[in-house]
Structure formats: C-alpha cells, structure tokens
N, C-alpha and C. Protein backbone atom coordinates (compact mmCIF):
# COMPACT_ATOMS: atom_id res chain seq x y z
N UNK A 1 0.85 -1.21 0.00
CA UNK A 1 0.00 0.00 0.00
C UNK A 1 0.88 1.25 0.00
N UNK A 2 0.64 2.13 -0.93
CA UNK A 2 1.40 3.37 -1.02
C UNK A 2 1.05 4.29 0.14
N UNK A 3 2.07 4.81 0.81
CA UNK A 3 1.84 5.73 1.93
C UNK A 3 1.33 7.07 1.41
N UNK A 4 0.29 7.59 2.04
CA UNK A 4 -0.26 8.87 1.64
C UNK A 4 0.73 9.99 1.92
N UNK A 5 0.87 10.95 1.00
CA UNK A 5 1.77 12.08 1.24
C UNK A 5 1.16 13.06 2.23
N UNK A 6 2.03 13.89 2.83
CA UNK A 6 1.55 14.96 3.70
C UNK A 6 0.92 16.09 2.89
N UNK A 7 1.37 16.25 1.64
CA UNK A 7 0.83 17.27 0.75
C UNK A 7 1.16 16.88 -0.69
N UNK A 8 0.34 17.36 -1.61
CA UNK A 8 0.58 17.15 -3.04
C UNK A 8 0.77 18.51 -3.70
N UNK A 9 1.87 18.65 -4.41
CA UNK A 9 2.26 19.93 -5.01
C UNK A 9 2.19 19.78 -6.53
N UNK A 10 1.23 20.47 -7.15
CA UNK A 10 0.98 20.33 -8.58
C UNK A 10 1.66 21.44 -9.38
N UNK A 11 2.24 21.07 -10.53
CA UNK A 11 2.50 22.04 -11.58
C UNK A 11 1.14 22.39 -12.19
N UNK A 12 1.09 23.39 -13.07
CA UNK A 12 -0.19 23.76 -13.67
C UNK A 12 -0.29 23.33 -15.14
N UNK A 13 0.45 23.97 -16.03
CA UNK A 13 0.36 23.67 -17.46
C UNK A 13 0.79 22.24 -17.74
N UNK A 14 -0.06 21.49 -18.43
CA UNK A 14 0.27 20.12 -18.75
C UNK A 14 -0.03 19.14 -17.64
N UNK A 15 -0.50 19.65 -16.49
CA UNK A 15 -0.87 18.80 -15.36
C UNK A 15 -2.32 19.07 -14.97
N UNK A 16 -2.60 20.28 -14.51
CA UNK A 16 -3.98 20.66 -14.19
C UNK A 16 -4.69 21.22 -15.42
N UNK A 17 -3.97 22.03 -16.17
CA UNK A 17 -4.52 22.64 -17.39
C UNK A 17 -3.92 21.97 -18.63
N UNK A 18 -4.78 21.59 -19.55
CA UNK A 18 -4.32 21.02 -20.82
C UNK A 18 -4.06 22.19 -21.77
N UNK A 19 -3.09 23.02 -21.38
CA UNK A 19 -2.94 24.35 -21.97
C UNK A 19 -1.72 24.49 -22.87
N UNK A 20 -0.89 23.45 -22.98
CA UNK A 20 0.35 23.60 -23.73
C UNK A 20 0.08 23.99 -25.19
N UNK A 21 -0.95 23.41 -25.80
CA UNK A 21 -1.27 23.71 -27.19
C UNK A 21 -1.64 25.19 -27.34
N UNK A 22 -2.52 25.66 -26.45
CA UNK A 22 -2.99 27.04 -26.52
C UNK A 22 -1.85 28.03 -26.27
N UNK A 23 -1.10 27.81 -25.18
CA UNK A 23 -0.02 28.73 -24.80
C UNK A 23 1.07 28.76 -25.87
N UNK A 24 1.48 27.59 -26.33
CA UNK A 24 2.53 27.55 -27.33
C UNK A 24 2.06 28.06 -28.68
N UNK A 25 0.75 28.00 -28.94
CA UNK A 25 0.21 28.61 -30.15
C UNK A 25 0.36 30.12 -30.11
N UNK A 26 0.10 30.71 -28.94
CA UNK A 26 0.27 32.16 -28.77
C UNK A 26 1.74 32.54 -28.96
N UNK A 27 2.65 31.76 -28.37
CA UNK A 27 4.07 32.05 -28.48
C UNK A 27 4.54 31.89 -29.93
N UNK A 28 4.11 30.81 -30.59
CA UNK A 28 4.52 30.57 -31.97
C UNK A 28 4.07 31.70 -32.89
N UNK A 29 2.85 32.16 -32.70
CA UNK A 29 2.33 33.26 -33.52
C UNK A 29 3.14 34.53 -33.32
N UNK A 30 3.47 34.83 -32.06
CA UNK A 30 4.25 36.03 -31.74
C UNK A 30 5.65 35.95 -32.35
N UNK A 31 6.32 34.81 -32.18
CA UNK A 31 7.70 34.69 -32.65
C UNK A 31 7.78 34.65 -34.17
N UNK A 32 6.80 34.02 -34.80
CA UNK A 32 6.77 34.00 -36.26
C UNK A 32 6.64 35.41 -36.81
N UNK A 33 5.80 36.23 -36.15
CA UNK A 33 5.62 37.62 -36.58
C UNK A 33 6.90 38.43 -36.39
N UNK A 34 7.75 38.00 -35.46
CA UNK A 34 9.01 38.70 -35.20
C UNK A 34 10.16 38.20 -36.07
N UNK A 35 9.86 37.24 -36.95
CA UNK A 35 10.88 36.77 -37.86
C UNK A 35 11.51 35.44 -37.52
N UNK A 36 10.97 34.76 -36.52
CA UNK A 36 11.45 33.41 -36.19
C UNK A 36 10.28 32.45 -36.41
N UNK A 37 10.16 31.89 -37.62
CA UNK A 37 9.02 31.02 -37.92
C UNK A 37 9.13 29.68 -37.19
N UNK A 38 8.33 29.50 -36.16
CA UNK A 38 8.32 28.26 -35.39
C UNK A 38 6.89 27.74 -35.29
N UNK A 39 6.78 26.44 -35.19
CA UNK A 39 5.47 25.80 -35.04
C UNK A 39 5.15 25.63 -33.56
N UNK A 40 3.91 25.28 -33.30
CA UNK A 40 3.49 25.01 -31.92
C UNK A 40 4.33 23.87 -31.33
N UNK A 41 4.53 22.81 -32.12
CA UNK A 41 5.29 21.66 -31.62
C UNK A 41 6.74 22.04 -31.33
N UNK A 42 7.32 22.89 -32.18
CA UNK A 42 8.70 23.34 -31.93
C UNK A 42 8.77 24.16 -30.64
N UNK A 43 7.77 25.00 -30.41
CA UNK A 43 7.74 25.80 -29.18
C UNK A 43 7.67 24.91 -27.95
N UNK A 44 6.86 23.85 -28.04
CA UNK A 44 6.79 22.92 -26.91
C UNK A 44 8.16 22.34 -26.60
N UNK A 45 8.87 21.93 -27.65
CA UNK A 45 10.19 21.34 -27.46
C UNK A 45 11.21 22.30 -26.88
N UNK A 46 11.11 23.56 -27.28
CA UNK A 46 12.10 24.56 -26.86
C UNK A 46 11.78 25.14 -25.49
N UNK A 47 10.50 25.40 -25.22
CA UNK A 47 10.14 26.20 -24.05
C UNK A 47 9.41 25.45 -22.95
N UNK A 48 9.09 24.17 -23.12
CA UNK A 48 8.29 23.45 -22.13
C UNK A 48 8.89 23.57 -20.74
N UNK A 49 8.08 24.09 -19.80
CA UNK A 49 8.49 24.20 -18.41
C UNK A 49 9.26 25.46 -18.06
N UNK A 50 9.62 26.29 -19.06
CA UNK A 50 10.43 27.48 -18.79
C UNK A 50 9.56 28.67 -18.40
N UNK A 51 10.08 29.51 -17.51
CA UNK A 51 9.42 30.78 -17.20
C UNK A 51 9.65 31.74 -18.38
N UNK A 52 8.79 32.76 -18.48
CA UNK A 52 8.95 33.72 -19.58
C UNK A 52 10.31 34.42 -19.54
N UNK A 53 10.81 34.86 -18.36
CA UNK A 53 12.15 35.47 -18.35
C UNK A 53 13.23 34.53 -18.87
N UNK A 54 13.10 33.23 -18.60
CA UNK A 54 14.09 32.28 -19.09
C UNK A 54 13.96 32.03 -20.60
N UNK A 55 12.79 32.36 -21.17
CA UNK A 55 12.60 32.23 -22.61
C UNK A 55 13.30 33.35 -23.37
N UNK A 56 13.40 34.52 -22.73
CA UNK A 56 13.88 35.72 -23.43
C UNK A 56 15.24 35.54 -24.09
N UNK A 57 16.29 35.06 -23.39
CA UNK A 57 17.59 34.93 -24.05
C UNK A 57 17.57 33.97 -25.23
N UNK A 58 16.77 32.91 -25.15
CA UNK A 58 16.67 31.96 -26.26
C UNK A 58 16.05 32.63 -27.48
N UNK A 59 15.04 33.46 -27.23
CA UNK A 59 14.37 34.16 -28.33
C UNK A 59 15.26 35.24 -28.92
N UNK A 60 15.94 35.97 -28.06
CA UNK A 60 16.77 37.08 -28.54
C UNK A 60 17.95 36.60 -29.39
N UNK A 61 18.38 35.36 -29.19
CA UNK A 61 19.43 34.82 -30.06
C UNK A 61 18.94 34.68 -31.50
N UNK A 62 17.62 34.57 -31.66
CA UNK A 62 17.05 34.38 -32.99
C UNK A 62 16.53 35.67 -33.61
N UNK A 63 15.99 36.58 -32.79
CA UNK A 63 15.31 37.76 -33.35
C UNK A 63 15.93 39.08 -32.91
N UNK A 64 16.97 39.03 -32.07
CA UNK A 64 17.53 40.27 -31.55
C UNK A 64 16.77 40.72 -30.31
N UNK A 65 17.10 41.90 -29.78
CA UNK A 65 16.49 42.37 -28.53
C UNK A 65 14.97 42.47 -28.61
N UNK A 66 14.32 41.98 -27.57
CA UNK A 66 12.87 42.10 -27.45
C UNK A 66 12.54 43.40 -26.72
N UNK A 67 11.37 43.97 -26.97
CA UNK A 67 10.96 45.16 -26.22
C UNK A 67 10.90 44.84 -24.72
N UNK A 68 11.26 45.77 -23.86
CA UNK A 68 11.24 45.51 -22.41
C UNK A 68 9.89 45.05 -21.90
N UNK A 69 8.83 45.49 -22.57
CA UNK A 69 7.49 45.15 -22.09
C UNK A 69 7.00 43.78 -22.59
N UNK A 70 7.82 43.11 -23.43
CA UNK A 70 7.36 41.85 -24.04
C UNK A 70 6.93 40.79 -23.01
N UNK A 71 7.71 40.50 -21.97
CA UNK A 71 7.28 39.46 -21.03
C UNK A 71 5.92 39.76 -20.39
N UNK A 72 5.72 41.00 -19.96
CA UNK A 72 4.45 41.36 -19.32
C UNK A 72 3.30 41.28 -20.31
N UNK A 73 3.53 41.71 -21.55
CA UNK A 73 2.46 41.69 -22.55
C UNK A 73 2.09 40.25 -22.92
N UNK A 74 3.09 39.38 -23.07
CA UNK A 74 2.80 37.99 -23.40
C UNK A 74 2.04 37.32 -22.26
N UNK A 75 2.48 37.55 -21.02
CA UNK A 75 1.80 36.97 -19.87
C UNK A 75 0.36 37.45 -19.77
N UNK A 76 0.13 38.74 -20.04
CA UNK A 76 -1.22 39.29 -19.97
C UNK A 76 -2.11 38.69 -21.05
N UNK A 77 -1.55 38.47 -22.25
CA UNK A 77 -2.32 37.86 -23.33
C UNK A 77 -2.71 36.43 -22.97
N UNK A 78 -1.77 35.67 -22.43
CA UNK A 78 -2.07 34.29 -22.03
C UNK A 78 -3.12 34.28 -20.92
N UNK A 79 -2.98 35.18 -19.94
CA UNK A 79 -3.94 35.25 -18.84
C UNK A 79 -5.34 35.55 -19.37
N UNK A 80 -5.44 36.49 -20.30
CA UNK A 80 -6.75 36.86 -20.86
C UNK A 80 -7.40 35.66 -21.56
N UNK A 81 -6.61 34.93 -22.35
CA UNK A 81 -7.13 33.77 -23.06
C UNK A 81 -7.54 32.67 -22.08
N UNK A 82 -6.77 32.52 -21.01
CA UNK A 82 -7.07 31.47 -20.04
C UNK A 82 -8.32 31.76 -19.24
N UNK A 83 -8.57 33.03 -18.96
CA UNK A 83 -9.81 33.36 -18.24
C UNK A 83 -11.02 33.06 -19.11
N UNK A 84 -10.85 33.21 -20.43
CA UNK A 84 -11.94 32.94 -21.37
C UNK A 84 -12.14 31.44 -21.58
N UNK A 85 -11.02 30.70 -21.65
CA UNK A 85 -11.12 29.28 -22.00
C UNK A 85 -9.90 28.54 -21.47
N UNK A 86 -9.99 28.04 -20.25
CA UNK A 86 -8.89 27.26 -19.68
C UNK A 86 -9.24 25.78 -19.83
N UNK A 87 -8.59 25.08 -20.75
CA UNK A 87 -8.94 23.67 -20.95
C UNK A 87 -8.37 22.79 -19.84
N UNK A 88 -9.21 22.03 -19.14
CA UNK A 88 -8.71 21.18 -18.06
C UNK A 88 -8.01 19.94 -18.61
N UNK A 89 -7.03 19.45 -17.87
CA UNK A 89 -6.43 18.17 -18.22
C UNK A 89 -7.43 17.09 -17.84
N UNK A 90 -7.79 16.22 -18.76
CA UNK A 90 -8.76 15.17 -18.43
C UNK A 90 -8.36 14.38 -17.20
N UNK A 91 -9.26 14.29 -16.25
CA UNK A 91 -9.04 13.53 -15.03
C UNK A 91 -8.43 14.31 -13.89
N UNK A 92 -7.90 15.51 -14.15
CA UNK A 92 -7.21 16.26 -13.10
C UNK A 92 -8.17 16.74 -12.02
N UNK A 93 -9.32 17.24 -12.42
CA UNK A 93 -10.28 17.74 -11.43
C UNK A 93 -10.72 16.64 -10.47
N UNK A 94 -10.90 15.42 -10.98
CA UNK A 94 -11.31 14.31 -10.11
C UNK A 94 -10.24 14.01 -9.08
N UNK A 95 -8.97 14.10 -9.47
CA UNK A 95 -7.87 13.85 -8.53
C UNK A 95 -7.85 14.93 -7.45
N UNK A 96 -7.99 16.19 -7.85
CA UNK A 96 -7.98 17.29 -6.89
C UNK A 96 -9.13 17.13 -5.89
N UNK A 97 -10.31 16.80 -6.37
CA UNK A 97 -11.45 16.62 -5.48
C UNK A 97 -11.24 15.44 -4.53
N UNK A 98 -10.63 14.37 -5.03
CA UNK A 98 -10.37 13.20 -4.19
C UNK A 98 -9.37 13.54 -3.09
N UNK A 99 -8.35 14.32 -3.42
CA UNK A 99 -7.38 14.74 -2.41
C UNK A 99 -8.03 15.62 -1.36
N UNK A 100 -8.91 16.53 -1.81
CA UNK A 100 -9.61 17.41 -0.87
C UNK A 100 -10.47 16.58 0.08
N UNK A 101 -11.18 15.59 -0.46
CA UNK A 101 -12.04 14.73 0.36
C UNK A 101 -11.21 13.91 1.35
N UNK A 102 -9.96 13.58 0.95
CA UNK A 102 -9.08 12.81 1.83
C UNK A 102 -8.38 13.70 2.86
N UNK A 103 -8.57 15.02 2.75
CA UNK A 103 -7.97 15.95 3.70
C UNK A 103 -6.49 16.18 3.50
N UNK A 104 -6.00 15.94 2.28
CA UNK A 104 -4.58 16.12 1.99
C UNK A 104 -4.36 17.52 1.40
N UNK A 105 -3.53 18.35 2.03
CA UNK A 105 -3.29 19.71 1.52
C UNK A 105 -2.66 19.68 0.12
N UNK A 106 -2.99 20.71 -0.66
CA UNK A 106 -2.46 20.84 -2.02
C UNK A 106 -1.93 22.24 -2.25
N UNK A 107 -0.93 22.34 -3.11
CA UNK A 107 -0.42 23.63 -3.57
C UNK A 107 -0.20 23.54 -5.07
N UNK A 108 -0.12 24.70 -5.70
CA UNK A 108 0.18 24.77 -7.13
C UNK A 108 1.42 25.63 -7.31
N UNK A 109 2.41 25.10 -8.04
CA UNK A 109 3.68 25.80 -8.24
C UNK A 109 4.04 25.75 -9.72
N UNK A 110 4.11 26.92 -10.35
CA UNK A 110 4.27 26.98 -11.80
C UNK A 110 5.26 28.05 -12.20
N UNK A 111 5.97 27.81 -13.30
CA UNK A 111 6.88 28.81 -13.85
C UNK A 111 6.13 29.90 -14.62
N UNK A 112 4.81 29.90 -14.56
CA UNK A 112 4.02 30.99 -15.12
C UNK A 112 4.18 32.24 -14.27
N UNK A 113 3.81 33.40 -14.83
CA UNK A 113 3.73 34.63 -14.05
C UNK A 113 2.54 34.57 -13.11
N UNK A 114 2.54 35.41 -12.10
CA UNK A 114 1.50 35.37 -11.05
C UNK A 114 0.10 35.57 -11.62
N UNK A 115 -0.11 36.62 -12.40
CA UNK A 115 -1.44 36.90 -12.95
C UNK A 115 -1.88 35.79 -13.89
N UNK A 116 -0.95 35.32 -14.69
CA UNK A 116 -1.25 34.25 -15.64
C UNK A 116 -1.66 32.97 -14.91
N UNK A 117 -0.94 32.62 -13.85
CA UNK A 117 -1.25 31.40 -13.11
C UNK A 117 -2.61 31.51 -12.43
N UNK A 118 -2.88 32.66 -11.81
CA UNK A 118 -4.17 32.84 -11.16
C UNK A 118 -5.31 32.77 -12.16
N UNK A 119 -5.08 33.31 -13.37
CA UNK A 119 -6.10 33.27 -14.42
C UNK A 119 -6.40 31.83 -14.81
N UNK A 120 -5.37 31.01 -14.90
CA UNK A 120 -5.57 29.60 -15.27
C UNK A 120 -6.38 28.88 -14.20
N UNK A 121 -6.01 29.06 -12.94
CA UNK A 121 -6.72 28.38 -11.86
C UNK A 121 -8.15 28.88 -11.73
N UNK A 122 -8.36 30.17 -11.96
CA UNK A 122 -9.72 30.71 -11.93
C UNK A 122 -10.54 30.16 -13.09
N UNK A 123 -9.92 30.11 -14.29
CA UNK A 123 -10.60 29.58 -15.46
C UNK A 123 -10.97 28.13 -15.29
N UNK A 124 -10.14 27.38 -14.58
CA UNK A 124 -10.40 25.96 -14.32
C UNK A 124 -11.33 25.74 -13.13
N UNK A 125 -11.64 26.85 -12.41
CA UNK A 125 -12.44 26.78 -11.18
C UNK A 125 -11.76 25.93 -10.11
N UNK A 126 -10.43 26.02 -10.06
CA UNK A 126 -9.65 25.27 -9.08
C UNK A 126 -9.10 26.13 -7.95
N UNK A 127 -9.23 27.44 -8.06
CA UNK A 127 -8.63 28.32 -7.06
C UNK A 127 -9.06 27.99 -5.62
N UNK A 128 -10.33 27.63 -5.36
CA UNK A 128 -10.70 27.32 -3.97
C UNK A 128 -9.89 26.18 -3.35
N UNK A 129 -9.37 25.28 -4.17
CA UNK A 129 -8.60 24.16 -3.64
C UNK A 129 -7.16 24.56 -3.30
N UNK A 130 -6.71 25.70 -3.85
CA UNK A 130 -5.30 26.10 -3.70
C UNK A 130 -5.13 27.48 -3.06
N UNK A 131 -6.19 28.09 -2.62
CA UNK A 131 -6.15 29.46 -2.10
C UNK A 131 -5.06 29.60 -1.04
N UNK A 132 -4.16 30.59 -1.27
CA UNK A 132 -3.08 30.84 -0.33
C UNK A 132 -1.89 29.93 -0.50
N UNK A 133 -1.97 29.01 -1.46
CA UNK A 133 -0.87 28.06 -1.69
C UNK A 133 -0.58 27.97 -3.19
N UNK A 134 -0.46 29.15 -3.81
CA UNK A 134 -0.21 29.26 -5.26
C UNK A 134 1.10 30.02 -5.45
N UNK A 135 2.03 29.44 -6.18
CA UNK A 135 3.36 30.02 -6.33
C UNK A 135 3.76 30.11 -7.80
N UNK A 136 4.10 31.34 -8.23
CA UNK A 136 4.62 31.59 -9.58
C UNK A 136 6.11 31.87 -9.47
N UNK A 137 6.75 32.03 -10.62
CA UNK A 137 8.19 32.34 -10.58
C UNK A 137 8.45 33.70 -9.91
N UNK A 138 7.41 34.56 -9.87
CA UNK A 138 7.56 35.87 -9.26
C UNK A 138 7.51 35.83 -7.73
N UNK A 139 7.15 34.69 -7.18
CA UNK A 139 6.97 34.57 -5.74
C UNK A 139 8.17 33.96 -5.02
N UNK A 140 9.19 33.57 -5.78
CA UNK A 140 10.37 32.92 -5.18
C UNK A 140 11.64 33.51 -5.80
N UNK A 141 12.79 33.35 -5.15
CA UNK A 141 14.02 33.92 -5.71
C UNK A 141 14.40 33.35 -7.07
N UNK A 142 14.19 32.05 -7.27
CA UNK A 142 14.62 31.41 -8.51
C UNK A 142 13.52 30.49 -9.05
N UNK A 143 13.28 30.52 -10.37
CA UNK A 143 12.27 29.63 -10.96
C UNK A 143 12.79 28.20 -11.07
N UNK A 144 11.93 27.28 -11.44
CA UNK A 144 12.37 25.93 -11.76
C UNK A 144 13.43 26.02 -12.88
N UNK A 145 14.48 25.20 -12.83
CA UNK A 145 14.65 23.95 -12.09
C UNK A 145 15.20 24.11 -10.67
N UNK A 146 15.34 25.34 -10.16
CA UNK A 146 15.72 25.51 -8.75
C UNK A 146 14.60 24.96 -7.86
N UNK A 147 14.91 24.52 -6.66
CA UNK A 147 13.89 23.92 -5.78
C UNK A 147 13.01 24.93 -5.06
N UNK A 148 13.30 26.24 -5.18
CA UNK A 148 12.65 27.28 -4.37
C UNK A 148 11.13 27.17 -4.34
N UNK A 149 10.53 26.98 -5.51
CA UNK A 149 9.08 27.01 -5.60
C UNK A 149 8.45 25.85 -4.85
N UNK A 150 9.05 24.68 -4.95
CA UNK A 150 8.48 23.52 -4.26
C UNK A 150 8.78 23.53 -2.77
N UNK A 151 9.88 24.13 -2.38
CA UNK A 151 10.15 24.31 -0.95
C UNK A 151 9.11 25.26 -0.34
N UNK A 152 8.81 26.34 -1.07
CA UNK A 152 7.80 27.30 -0.59
C UNK A 152 6.42 26.65 -0.55
N UNK A 153 6.10 25.84 -1.56
CA UNK A 153 4.79 25.19 -1.61
C UNK A 153 4.63 24.20 -0.47
N UNK A 154 5.68 23.43 -0.18
CA UNK A 154 5.62 22.48 0.95
C UNK A 154 5.42 23.23 2.27
N UNK A 155 6.16 24.32 2.45
CA UNK A 155 6.03 25.11 3.68
C UNK A 155 4.61 25.67 3.83
N UNK A 156 4.01 26.11 2.72
CA UNK A 156 2.65 26.65 2.78
C UNK A 156 1.64 25.59 3.18
N UNK A 157 1.96 24.33 2.90
CA UNK A 157 1.08 23.23 3.29
C UNK A 157 1.42 22.70 4.68
N UNK A 158 2.45 23.29 5.32
CA UNK A 158 2.86 22.83 6.64
C UNK A 158 3.48 21.45 6.62
N UNK A 159 4.15 21.11 5.51
CA UNK A 159 4.68 19.76 5.34
C UNK A 159 6.19 19.77 5.08
N UNK A 160 6.85 18.72 5.50
CA UNK A 160 8.25 18.50 5.17
C UNK A 160 8.32 18.10 3.70
N UNK A 161 9.18 18.74 2.90
CA UNK A 161 9.27 18.38 1.48
C UNK A 161 9.47 16.88 1.25
N UNK A 162 10.16 16.22 2.16
CA UNK A 162 10.42 14.78 2.01
C UNK A 162 9.15 13.95 2.13
N UNK A 163 8.09 14.56 2.67
CA UNK A 163 6.81 13.86 2.82
C UNK A 163 5.80 14.31 1.77
N UNK A 164 6.26 15.11 0.81
CA UNK A 164 5.38 15.64 -0.23
C UNK A 164 5.58 14.91 -1.55
N UNK A 165 4.54 14.93 -2.37
CA UNK A 165 4.62 14.42 -3.74
C UNK A 165 4.42 15.59 -4.69
N UNK A 166 5.31 15.72 -5.65
CA UNK A 166 5.20 16.71 -6.73
C UNK A 166 4.66 16.01 -7.97
N UNK A 167 3.71 16.65 -8.64
CA UNK A 167 3.18 16.12 -9.91
C UNK A 167 3.60 17.08 -11.01
N UNK A 168 4.44 16.61 -11.91
CA UNK A 168 5.05 17.44 -12.95
C UNK A 168 4.93 16.79 -14.32
N UNK A 169 5.09 17.62 -15.36
CA UNK A 169 5.08 17.06 -16.72
C UNK A 169 6.32 17.44 -17.52
N UNK A 170 7.22 18.24 -16.95
CA UNK A 170 8.41 18.67 -17.69
C UNK A 170 9.67 18.21 -16.97
N UNK A 171 10.75 18.07 -17.73
CA UNK A 171 12.03 17.68 -17.14
C UNK A 171 12.51 18.76 -16.17
N UNK A 172 12.33 20.03 -16.53
CA UNK A 172 12.73 21.13 -15.65
C UNK A 172 12.00 21.05 -14.31
N UNK A 173 10.70 20.84 -14.39
CA UNK A 173 9.90 20.77 -13.18
C UNK A 173 10.22 19.56 -12.34
N UNK A 174 10.44 18.42 -13.00
CA UNK A 174 10.81 17.21 -12.27
C UNK A 174 12.12 17.42 -11.53
N UNK A 175 13.07 18.06 -12.18
CA UNK A 175 14.36 18.35 -11.56
C UNK A 175 14.18 19.24 -10.34
N UNK A 176 13.27 20.22 -10.43
CA UNK A 176 13.00 21.11 -9.29
C UNK A 176 12.43 20.34 -8.11
N UNK A 177 11.48 19.44 -8.38
CA UNK A 177 10.88 18.66 -7.31
C UNK A 177 11.88 17.74 -6.62
N UNK A 178 12.73 17.10 -7.42
CA UNK A 178 13.76 16.22 -6.86
C UNK A 178 14.75 17.02 -6.02
N UNK A 179 15.14 18.21 -6.53
CA UNK A 179 16.08 19.06 -5.79
C UNK A 179 15.49 19.52 -4.47
N UNK A 180 14.17 19.64 -4.40
CA UNK A 180 13.51 20.04 -3.15
C UNK A 180 13.41 18.89 -2.16
N UNK A 181 13.71 17.68 -2.61
CA UNK A 181 13.65 16.52 -1.73
C UNK A 181 12.33 15.79 -1.76
N UNK A 182 11.47 16.13 -2.72
CA UNK A 182 10.15 15.51 -2.82
C UNK A 182 10.18 14.24 -3.67
N UNK A 183 9.19 13.41 -3.47
CA UNK A 183 8.92 12.33 -4.43
C UNK A 183 8.23 12.99 -5.62
N UNK A 184 8.67 12.65 -6.83
CA UNK A 184 8.13 13.30 -8.03
C UNK A 184 7.46 12.26 -8.93
N UNK A 185 6.21 12.52 -9.27
CA UNK A 185 5.49 11.72 -10.25
C UNK A 185 5.48 12.51 -11.56
N UNK A 186 6.01 11.92 -12.62
CA UNK A 186 6.17 12.60 -13.90
C UNK A 186 5.11 12.19 -14.89
N UNK A 187 4.21 13.11 -15.24
CA UNK A 187 3.12 12.85 -16.18
C UNK A 187 3.68 12.88 -17.60
N UNK A 188 3.78 11.71 -18.21
CA UNK A 188 4.38 11.59 -19.54
C UNK A 188 3.33 11.90 -20.61
N UNK A 189 2.92 13.17 -20.64
CA UNK A 189 1.89 13.64 -21.57
C UNK A 189 2.54 14.30 -22.78
N UNK A 190 3.43 15.26 -22.54
CA UNK A 190 4.20 15.92 -23.60
C UNK A 190 5.67 15.49 -23.58
N UNK A 191 6.16 15.13 -22.41
CA UNK A 191 7.56 14.76 -22.23
C UNK A 191 7.70 13.24 -22.19
N UNK A 192 8.65 12.66 -22.93
CA UNK A 192 8.84 11.21 -22.90
C UNK A 192 9.11 10.70 -21.48
N UNK A 193 8.56 9.53 -21.17
CA UNK A 193 8.72 8.95 -19.84
C UNK A 193 10.19 8.77 -19.48
N UNK A 194 11.02 8.38 -20.47
CA UNK A 194 12.44 8.16 -20.20
C UNK A 194 13.14 9.43 -19.75
N UNK A 195 12.73 10.58 -20.31
CA UNK A 195 13.35 11.85 -19.94
C UNK A 195 12.94 12.25 -18.52
N UNK A 196 11.69 12.03 -18.17
CA UNK A 196 11.24 12.32 -16.81
C UNK A 196 11.95 11.40 -15.81
N UNK A 197 12.07 10.13 -16.18
CA UNK A 197 12.74 9.17 -15.30
C UNK A 197 14.20 9.54 -15.10
N UNK A 198 14.83 10.07 -16.16
CA UNK A 198 16.24 10.47 -16.06
C UNK A 198 16.43 11.60 -15.06
N UNK A 199 15.37 12.39 -14.82
CA UNK A 199 15.45 13.48 -13.84
C UNK A 199 15.11 13.02 -12.43
N UNK A 200 14.76 11.76 -12.27
CA UNK A 200 14.45 11.23 -10.95
C UNK A 200 12.97 11.08 -10.66
N UNK A 201 12.12 11.30 -11.70
CA UNK A 201 10.67 11.17 -11.51
C UNK A 201 10.22 9.74 -11.77
N UNK A 202 9.04 9.41 -11.20
CA UNK A 202 8.38 8.14 -11.49
C UNK A 202 7.33 8.42 -12.57
N UNK A 203 7.54 7.94 -13.80
CA UNK A 203 6.61 8.29 -14.88
C UNK A 203 5.23 7.62 -14.71
N UNK A 204 4.20 8.32 -15.14
CA UNK A 204 2.87 7.73 -15.28
C UNK A 204 2.23 8.35 -16.52
N UNK A 205 1.18 7.73 -17.04
CA UNK A 205 0.67 8.12 -18.35
C UNK A 205 -0.78 8.61 -18.37
N UNK A 206 -1.48 8.48 -17.25
CA UNK A 206 -2.88 8.89 -17.21
C UNK A 206 -3.23 9.40 -15.83
N UNK A 207 -4.04 10.45 -15.76
CA UNK A 207 -4.48 10.98 -14.48
C UNK A 207 -5.25 9.94 -13.66
N UNK A 208 -5.84 8.95 -14.35
CA UNK A 208 -6.57 7.90 -13.64
C UNK A 208 -5.63 7.06 -12.77
N UNK A 209 -4.32 7.10 -13.05
CA UNK A 209 -3.34 6.34 -12.26
C UNK A 209 -3.00 7.06 -10.94
N UNK A 210 -3.23 8.36 -10.87
CA UNK A 210 -2.74 9.13 -9.73
C UNK A 210 -3.32 8.72 -8.38
N UNK A 211 -4.64 8.47 -8.24
CA UNK A 211 -5.12 8.08 -6.92
C UNK A 211 -4.38 6.88 -6.34
N UNK A 212 -4.09 5.89 -7.17
CA UNK A 212 -3.33 4.72 -6.68
C UNK A 212 -1.92 5.12 -6.29
N UNK A 213 -1.26 5.94 -7.13
CA UNK A 213 0.11 6.35 -6.87
C UNK A 213 0.20 7.23 -5.62
N UNK A 214 -0.89 7.92 -5.30
CA UNK A 214 -0.91 8.80 -4.11
C UNK A 214 -1.48 8.11 -2.88
N UNK A 215 -1.89 6.86 -3.02
CA UNK A 215 -2.39 6.12 -1.87
C UNK A 215 -3.80 6.51 -1.44
N UNK A 216 -4.59 7.08 -2.37
CA UNK A 216 -5.95 7.49 -2.00
C UNK A 216 -7.00 6.71 -2.79
N UNK A 217 -6.58 5.70 -3.53
CA UNK A 217 -7.55 4.90 -4.30
C UNK A 217 -8.42 4.12 -3.33
N UNK A 218 -9.69 4.07 -3.65
CA UNK A 218 -10.62 3.34 -2.76
C UNK A 218 -10.56 1.83 -3.02
C-alpha cells in the first residue's frame, strides 16, 4: 500500500490545465511575426516548463532584442485567453477533489507569471482548492529547475518536502521537485517517460493512475 503524502504539489500547465497547445500557439504566432518562424510543436520542445524570463535569451538569439514590455504583454495575453477558456487536463479535477475529500493539503507551483497562473486556476475553477498556496516564478528567488518554488509550496502546506509528492510534466519541473527533496510523479503527456525518469521522476501516463500512486484509491 502506497503511503499517503503529507501534501501534493501540482504544476499547472500540462498537469492541471491542458494548456500547452494554446499557450505555445500564442508564443509561436508572436515569434513567427518577429521573424522566427516556429510551429506550436517546436515551441513545446524549446520552451516546455520554462518561465517567460528564461525564454527571453533563447528568443533574442534568434530575433535580436525584445521590447522591455514583451514578457508582461505575453503573460497578460495568455492570462486573458485562459480566463476565457482554460482547458482542463482530463481527469485532473477528479484527482484534486479526491485529495480534498481525503484531507490532503495541495499547492500549485508553476513557472508561469503570477497573474497568468491565477487566471488559469480561476478559469479551471480550481482556485478554492489552492487558495493561499499558489506560487509563480515571481513569488520565489529562482524559478524551476531551482527547488525554491516547491520548498515554498511544501512550507505553505505545513509539510516537510520529504513527505510531499510533486506532480510534474516537464524535465525542468521534475528536476526542481527532486532538488527540493520531494517524491516526483512525472506525467508523460508531452515529455517522454524516459526523460522524466532520467530526472528522478516516477513516470505515469494517465491521471486515472494518480489516486493509486498517491495512496488514495478506494
């Protein structure tokens, strides 16, 4: 029997929100207009799991200096779209509700900007489950793959990181969870299972597997 964690710390994009297609479509459209023709799939490969500030140097190598306001404008555009239509990851809401019923604290930690992350959780109607335990890259000294965000999320849940489970879908995020000392479950949705495993995560392929992996299956 799998021991129940003291807290579960979720990433957002690609875990709670099935948003990678939408977000990377916005990025691809912007970069193509700036002279770097990239597809949605290419954007996923290049930027998956990265914060917007960490995207900037990669983009500037291709298109030259970006306007200073570009990160804030891109984040605001994504937030606006997410408030209108935040696509849920199939099965994620059921897992969140099951954890709430089991009395297990939850936090959300994402390399998104603060407004963007809150817009996603509001659009998904998940904010009540995470109120006061939501962390963006703007809320900690260093974004993923540094452990800061997951250390802060564990503390907000009143839990030792070693007793927490992180649910991630990117290699960067998995690395952050492992560095924080957490057990990491790697959702092999966009990222190959072997790559997640190489970062120290335990791969899984469907949200329906999570209750068993978290020890809350009936």
